[in-house]
Protein backbone atom coordinates (compact mmCIF):
# COMPACT_ATOMS: atom_id res chain seq x y z
CA UNK A 1 10.42 19.59 16.90
CA UNK A 2 11.59 22.64 15.06
CA UNK A 3 9.01 25.41 14.67
CA UNK A 4 6.63 25.33 11.18
CA UNK A 5 8.51 26.66 8.32
CA UNK A 6 6.68 29.37 6.80
CA UNK A 7 4.44 28.92 3.37
CA UNK A 8 6.10 31.16 0.59
CA UNK A 9 6.62 31.16 -3.26
CA UNK A 10 9.93 28.47 -2.68
CA UNK A 11 7.64 26.21 -0.94
CA UNK A 12 7.19 22.72 -2.72
CA UNK A 13 3.97 21.17 -2.35
CA UNK A 14 2.84 17.17 -2.11
CA UNK A 15 -0.32 15.56 -2.78
CA UNK A 16 -1.98 12.55 -1.88
CA UNK A 17 -5.01 11.93 -4.38
CA UNK A 18 -7.51 8.87 -4.22
CA UNK A 19 -11.54 8.38 -3.91
CA UNK A 20 -12.23 8.10 -0.89
CA UNK A 21 -9.31 10.03 1.09
CA UNK A 22 -10.53 11.64 3.84
CA UNK A 23 -9.44 8.70 5.73
CA UNK A 24 -5.87 9.60 4.67
CA UNK A 25 -2.98 10.23 7.56
CA UNK A 26 -0.54 10.83 4.75
CA UNK A 27 -0.79 15.02 5.00
CA UNK A 28 -0.34 14.39 9.22
CA UNK A 29 2.86 12.08 8.77
CA UNK A 30 4.41 13.94 6.04
CA UNK A 31 4.16 17.20 7.35
CA UNK A 32 5.37 16.20 10.74
CA UNK A 33 8.71 15.13 8.83
CA UNK A 34 8.78 18.26 7.09
CA UNK A 35 8.61 20.50 10.44
CA UNK A 36 11.02 17.82 12.26
CA UNK A 37 13.59 18.72 9.42
CA UNK A 38 12.72 22.32 8.77
CA UNK A 39 12.16 21.73 5.15
CA UNK A 40 9.88 24.07 2.85
CA UNK A 41 7.89 21.65 1.85
CA UNK A 42 3.66 20.78 2.88
CA UNK A 43 1.58 17.92 2.11
CA UNK A 44 -1.83 18.32 0.98
CA UNK A 45 -4.88 15.58 0.13
CA UNK A 46 -7.31 15.90 -2.49
CA UNK A 47 -10.46 13.53 -3.51
CA UNK A 48 -9.65 12.64 -7.18
CA UNK A 49 -11.73 10.91 -9.59
CA UNK A 50 -9.74 11.92 -12.67
CA UNK A 51 -6.31 10.91 -12.30
CA UNK A 52 -5.10 11.92 -15.96
CA UNK A 53 -6.19 15.74 -15.19
CA UNK A 54 -4.71 15.62 -11.90
CA UNK A 55 -1.22 14.31 -13.61
CA UNK A 56 -1.54 17.17 -15.82
CA UNK A 57 -1.95 19.37 -13.28
CA UNK A 58 1.28 18.11 -11.28
CA UNK A 59 3.28 18.63 -14.53
CA UNK A 60 2.39 22.17 -14.75
CA UNK A 61 3.19 23.64 -11.73
CA UNK A 62 6.91 23.66 -11.16
CA UNK A 63 6.65 23.58 -7.37
CA UNK A 64 4.34 20.51 -7.49
CA UNK A 65 7.02 18.12 -6.04
CA UNK A 66 5.46 14.68 -5.31
CA UNK A 67 2.23 12.78 -5.44
CA UNK A 68 1.16 9.75 -3.54
CA UNK A 69 -1.81 7.72 -5.40
CA UNK A 70 -3.89 5.54 -3.40
CA UNK A 71 -7.36 3.77 -4.51
CA UNK A 72 -8.35 3.42 -7.35
CA UNK A 73 -6.01 4.93 -9.29
CA UNK A 74 -2.76 3.07 -8.51
CA UNK A 75 -3.13 1.10 -12.07
CA UNK A 76 -4.26 3.90 -14.26
CA UNK A 77 -1.75 6.62 -13.17
CA UNK A 78 0.81 4.72 -15.12
CA UNK A 79 -0.68 5.97 -18.19
CA UNK A 80 -0.38 9.34 -17.44
CA UNK A 81 3.67 9.40 -16.44
CA UNK A 82 6.66 9.65 -18.57
CA UNK A 83 8.81 7.00 -16.88
CA UNK A 84 8.36 4.19 -14.60
CA UNK A 85 11.46 2.74 -13.10
CA UNK A 86 12.37 -0.39 -14.56
CA UNK A 87 11.66 -2.40 -11.49
CA UNK A 88 8.27 -1.38 -11.49
CA UNK A 89 7.27 -1.73 -15.52
CA UNK A 90 6.01 -5.33 -14.80
CA UNK A 91 4.22 -4.91 -11.80
CA UNK A 92 1.67 -2.50 -14.03
CA UNK A 93 1.11 -0.37 -10.91
CA UNK A 94 2.29 3.02 -9.19
CA UNK A 95 1.81 4.60 -5.78
CA UNK A 96 4.16 7.30 -5.89
CA UNK A 97 5.14 9.96 -8.25
CA UNK A 98 8.31 12.35 -8.37
CA UNK A 99 8.11 15.45 -10.60
CA UNK A 100 11.92 15.86 -11.98
CA UNK A 101 12.20 19.18 -14.37
CA UNK A 102 8.68 18.73 -16.25
CA UNK A 103 8.53 15.20 -16.12
CA UNK A 104 6.72 12.74 -13.68
CA UNK A 105 8.33 9.83 -12.69
CA UNK A 106 6.52 6.64 -11.63
CA UNK A 107 7.33 4.13 -8.92
CA UNK A 108 6.03 1.69 -5.93
CA UNK A 109 6.59 1.82 -2.35
CA UNK A 110 3.66 -0.26 -0.95
CA UNK A 111 5.51 -3.65 -2.19
CA UNK A 112 8.96 -3.06 -0.56
CA UNK A 113 6.78 -1.43 2.48
CA UNK A 114 4.83 -4.68 2.86
CA UNK A 115 7.93 -6.78 2.86
CA UNK A 116 9.62 -4.79 5.52
CA UNK A 117 6.56 -5.12 7.75
CA UNK A 118 6.36 -8.49 7.43
CA UNK A 119 10.15 -9.17 8.09
CA UNK A 120 10.21 -6.75 11.02
CA UNK A 121 7.72 -9.13 11.88
CA UNK A 122 9.92 -12.14 11.51
CA UNK A 123 7.36 -13.79 9.05
CA UNK A 124 8.88 -16.65 7.02
CA UNK A 125 7.51 -16.32 3.67
CA UNK A 126 9.64 -18.53 2.04
CA UNK A 127 8.20 -22.10 1.24
CA UNK A 128 4.80 -21.22 2.28
CA UNK A 129 1.48 -20.99 0.71
CA UNK A 130 0.49 -16.85 0.71
CA UNK A 131 -3.18 -16.17 0.10
CA UNK A 132 -3.79 -12.76 -1.47
CA UNK A 133 -7.22 -11.41 -0.85
CA UNK A 134 -7.73 -8.77 -3.51
CA UNK A 135 -5.87 -8.22 -6.93
CA UNK A 136 -5.85 -4.25 -7.46
CA UNK A 137 -2.86 -2.30 -7.49
CA UNK A 138 -1.89 -2.64 -3.95
CA UNK A 139 -2.14 -6.20 -4.54
CA UNK A 140 0.00 -6.20 -7.76
CA UNK A 141 3.11 -4.25 -5.91
CA UNK A 142 2.83 -6.86 -2.69
CA UNK A 143 2.50 -9.96 -4.96
CA UNK A 144 5.28 -8.84 -7.12
CA UNK A 145 7.78 -7.71 -4.34
CA UNK A 146 7.07 -10.96 -2.28
CA UNK A 147 7.75 -13.15 -5.49
CA UNK A 148 10.87 -11.27 -6.70
CA UNK A 149 12.24 -11.22 -3.10
CA UNK A 150 11.19 -14.16 -1.59
CA UNK A 151 10.29 -17.61 -2.20
CA UNK A 152 7.15 -18.95 -1.14
CA UNK A 153 5.66 -22.35 -1.87
CA UNK A 154 2.85 -21.14 -4.04
CA UNK A 155 0.24 -17.92 -4.31
CA UNK A 156 -3.56 -17.81 -4.43
CA UNK A 157 -5.06 -14.77 -5.25
CA UNK A 158 -9.00 -14.03 -5.02
CA UNK A 159 -10.93 -11.35 -6.34
CA UNK A 160 -14.54 -10.61 -7.13
CA UNK A 161 -13.15 -9.03 -10.23
CA UNK A 162 -12.40 -11.49 -12.77
CA UNK A 163 -10.56 -9.64 -15.48
CA UNK A 164 -8.16 -7.79 -12.84
CA UNK A 165 -7.68 -11.34 -11.27
CA UNK A 166 -6.34 -12.77 -14.52
CA UNK A 167 -4.41 -9.69 -15.49
CA UNK A 168 -2.39 -10.31 -12.40
CA UNK A 169 -1.82 -13.88 -12.70
CA UNK A 170 -0.85 -13.87 -15.81
CA UNK A 171 1.43 -11.05 -15.45
CA UNK A 172 2.86 -13.08 -12.07
CA UNK A 173 3.20 -16.32 -14.16
CA UNK A 174 4.91 -14.61 -17.23
CA UNK A 175 7.79 -13.68 -14.75
CA UNK A 176 7.99 -16.79 -11.89
CA UNK A 177 7.76 -20.36 -11.94
CA UNK A 178 5.64 -20.95 -8.64
CA UNK A 179 2.50 -22.35 -8.90
CA UNK A 180 -0.49 -19.45 -9.05
CA UNK A 181 -4.06 -20.21 -8.34
CA UNK A 182 -6.42 -17.52 -9.30
CA UNK A 183 -10.10 -17.70 -8.34
CA UNK A 184 -12.94 -15.55 -8.45
CA UNK A 185 -14.02 -14.84 -4.58
CA UNK A 186 -16.94 -16.93 -3.26
CA UNK A 187 -17.55 -18.67 -0.22
CA UNK A 188 -16.52 -21.95 -1.35
CA UNK A 189 -13.08 -20.41 -2.80
CA UNK A 190 -12.14 -18.84 0.32
CA UNK A 191 -13.08 -21.73 2.46
CA UNK A 192 -11.23 -24.12 0.53
CA UNK A 193 -8.15 -21.28 0.25
CA UNK A 194 -8.07 -20.65 3.61
CA UNK A 195 -7.52 -24.44 4.53
CA UNK A 196 -4.32 -24.32 2.80
CA UNK A 197 -2.94 -20.85 3.64
CA UNK A 198 0.07 -20.25 5.63
CA UNK A 199 0.13 -16.09 5.32
CA UNK A 200 -3.27 -14.39 4.47
CA UNK A 201 -2.36 -11.01 2.50
CA UNK A 202 -5.62 -8.92 2.69
CA UNK A 203 -5.52 -5.91 -0.06
CA UNK A 204 -9.08 -4.89 -0.34
CA UNK A 205 -10.64 -1.94 1.34
CA UNK A 206 -12.91 -3.94 3.27
CA UNK A 207 -12.96 -2.99 7.16
CA UNK A 208 -11.72 0.41 6.19
CA UNK A 209 -12.96 3.09 8.22
CA UNK A 210 -16.09 4.21 8.29
CA UNK A 211 -17.03 0.41 7.40
CA UNK A 212 -15.31 -1.15 10.14
CA UNK A 213 -17.46 -3.98 10.79
CA UNK A 214 -16.69 -5.30 7.52
CA UNK A 215 -14.40 -8.53 6.98
CA UNK A 216 -13.90 -10.68 3.97
CA UNK A 217 -12.77 -13.50 5.94
CA UNK A 218 -15.34 -15.48 8.70
CA UNK A 219 -13.96 -15.69 11.61
CA UNK A 220 -14.33 -19.85 11.65
CA UNK A 221 -11.97 -20.06 8.63
CA UNK A 222 -9.15 -19.26 10.47
CA UNK A 223 -6.28 -22.05 11.45
CA UNK A 224 -3.89 -22.50 13.98
CA UNK A 225 -0.58 -21.10 13.05
CA UNK A 226 -1.64 -18.68 10.00
CA UNK A 227 -0.38 -15.20 9.96
CA UNK A 228 -2.81 -12.60 8.66
CA UNK A 229 -1.20 -9.32 7.36
CA UNK A 230 -4.42 -6.57 6.58
CA UNK A 231 -3.32 -3.51 4.73
CA UNK A 232 -6.03 -1.65 6.10
CA UNK A 233 -4.73 0.90 8.62
CA UNK A 234 -7.64 2.94 9.53
CA UNK A 235 -8.73 1.61 12.11
CA UNK A 236 -5.40 0.43 13.55
CA UNK A 237 -7.12 -3.01 14.47
CA UNK A 238 -9.54 -4.03 11.57
CA UNK A 239 -12.26 -6.86 12.45
CA UNK A 240 -10.36 -9.23 10.42
CA UNK A 241 -7.32 -8.59 12.89
CA UNK A 242 -9.38 -8.83 15.75
CA UNK A 243 -10.81 -11.82 15.09
CA UNK A 244 -7.72 -13.51 14.12
CA UNK A 245 -6.01 -12.25 16.91
CA UNK A 246 -8.81 -13.75 19.17
CA UNK A 247 -8.02 -16.96 17.59
CA UNK A 248 -4.29 -16.89 18.82
CA UNK A 249 -3.25 -15.72 15.49
CA UNK A 250 -0.03 -14.01 14.38
CA UNK A 251 -1.46 -10.48 12.74
CA UNK A 252 0.41 -7.49 11.38
CA UNK A 253 -1.40 -3.91 11.20
CA UNK A 254 -1.51 -2.22 7.89
CA UNK A 255 0.04 0.74 10.08
CA UNK A 256 3.76 -0.92 9.44
CA UNK A 257 3.54 -1.17 5.62
CA UNK A 258 1.83 2.41 5.82
CA UNK A 259 4.69 3.48 7.43
CA UNK A 260 7.18 2.09 5.24
CA UNK A 261 6.04 3.31 2.32
CA UNK A 262 5.68 6.91 3.70
CA UNK A 263 9.20 6.75 4.60
CA UNK A 264 10.35 6.00 1.03
CA UNK A 265 8.16 8.35 -0.37
CA UNK A 266 9.15 11.13 1.88
CA UNK A 267 13.04 10.11 0.95
CA UNK A 268 12.08 10.49 -2.87
CA UNK A 269 10.13 13.47 -2.78
CA UNK A 270 12.75 15.30 -0.13
CA UNK A 271 16.26 13.75 -1.24
CA UNK A 272 16.24 13.67 2.81
CA UNK A 273 16.83 10.54 5.10
CA UNK A 274 13.37 10.53 6.88
CA UNK A 275 12.67 11.22 10.54
CA UNK A 276 11.23 7.51 11.42
CA UNK A 277 10.38 7.70 14.95
CA UNK A 278 8.28 11.20 14.53
CA UNK A 279 6.58 9.98 11.54
CA UNK A 280 5.47 6.67 13.36
CA UNK A 281 4.65 8.89 16.68
CA UNK A 282 2.46 10.76 14.51
CA UNK A 283 0.75 8.14 12.88
CA UNK A 284 0.16 6.33 16.27
CA UNK A 285 -1.57 9.05 18.15
CA UNK A 286 -3.71 9.54 15.49
CA UNK A 287 -4.88 6.11 15.27
CA UNK A 288 -5.19 5.82 19.13
CA UNK A 289 -7.49 8.70 19.52
C-alpha cells in the first residue's frame, strides 16, 4: 500500500453525513482506497441535522468534491442539489452528491449496490414475491432498481410511516405494472406478508449498532426457502440474519451492498477505478474486531 498522501491546499475532500453517524465505516473504506492509489483525497464523517446548510457549504468550497448521504437525509437532500441524474429522478431519493464546478449533482448508488449483492449471491428475483421492510430513502432506491432491472411477480412494502409508505407505493405504481401491496407495519400485516414472501429485504435501521438485539421479524415467521437480505452492516450479522440463518435460510449481509455502493461512489468522486479488494479488506477488518 502506498504511503499516506500529505494534506495540502490541493487536497480534495469528501464526507458522509447523517444522524446518527458514529457507526459509519465510510471514512475507513474511502481513505484506505485513496491511500492505495496515492490520491490527494481525504474522507470525513459528520453528524448533520440541517442537510440544506450542509449542501450549501459543499457548494461554497471548491475542494469539497463528494458527499455520501445516509439516514435520515436521503429524500430531503434532493431538494437542495442542482441536478439529479435522469435515472434517479423518479426514485425521489439520493445518497451521493458530486461537486462539479459549483454545481451539485445528485445520484443514487444504493440500488445498484443492493442488486449486485443479490446477483452475486445468485438470488433470483424474477417471478418471486419480494417483501420490503421500510419505505425510506434506501428502500426507494432498492425498490426502483429491482423493478427496473428484474421482474418480480409482486412487491409488498411495510412501514410504520403511512405517508412515506403510500408515497413510495404510488410512485412505483406509476412506472411499473406488477402488483404492489403497501400496508402499515403491524404484527398481523407482517405475519401475512412473511407467509407469502420469497425474498425479504430489510431497509430500516432496526438492529443497527448499538441496538443489536432488535429485529423486526420474529424468528417463528421464517419459512423454508426464503432469502433474507438486511441492508444494515453494523454488526456484520444482525439478529435478523442470525435467526434466519439458524432456520436454514440463505442470508445476505448489508456489508455487500455497502461495499458495492462505496465502490460506485469512489469512482464518481475520483474518476479512478476503485481498488475493490482493498476496500473489502478494510471493511471486514473493522467489522470482525
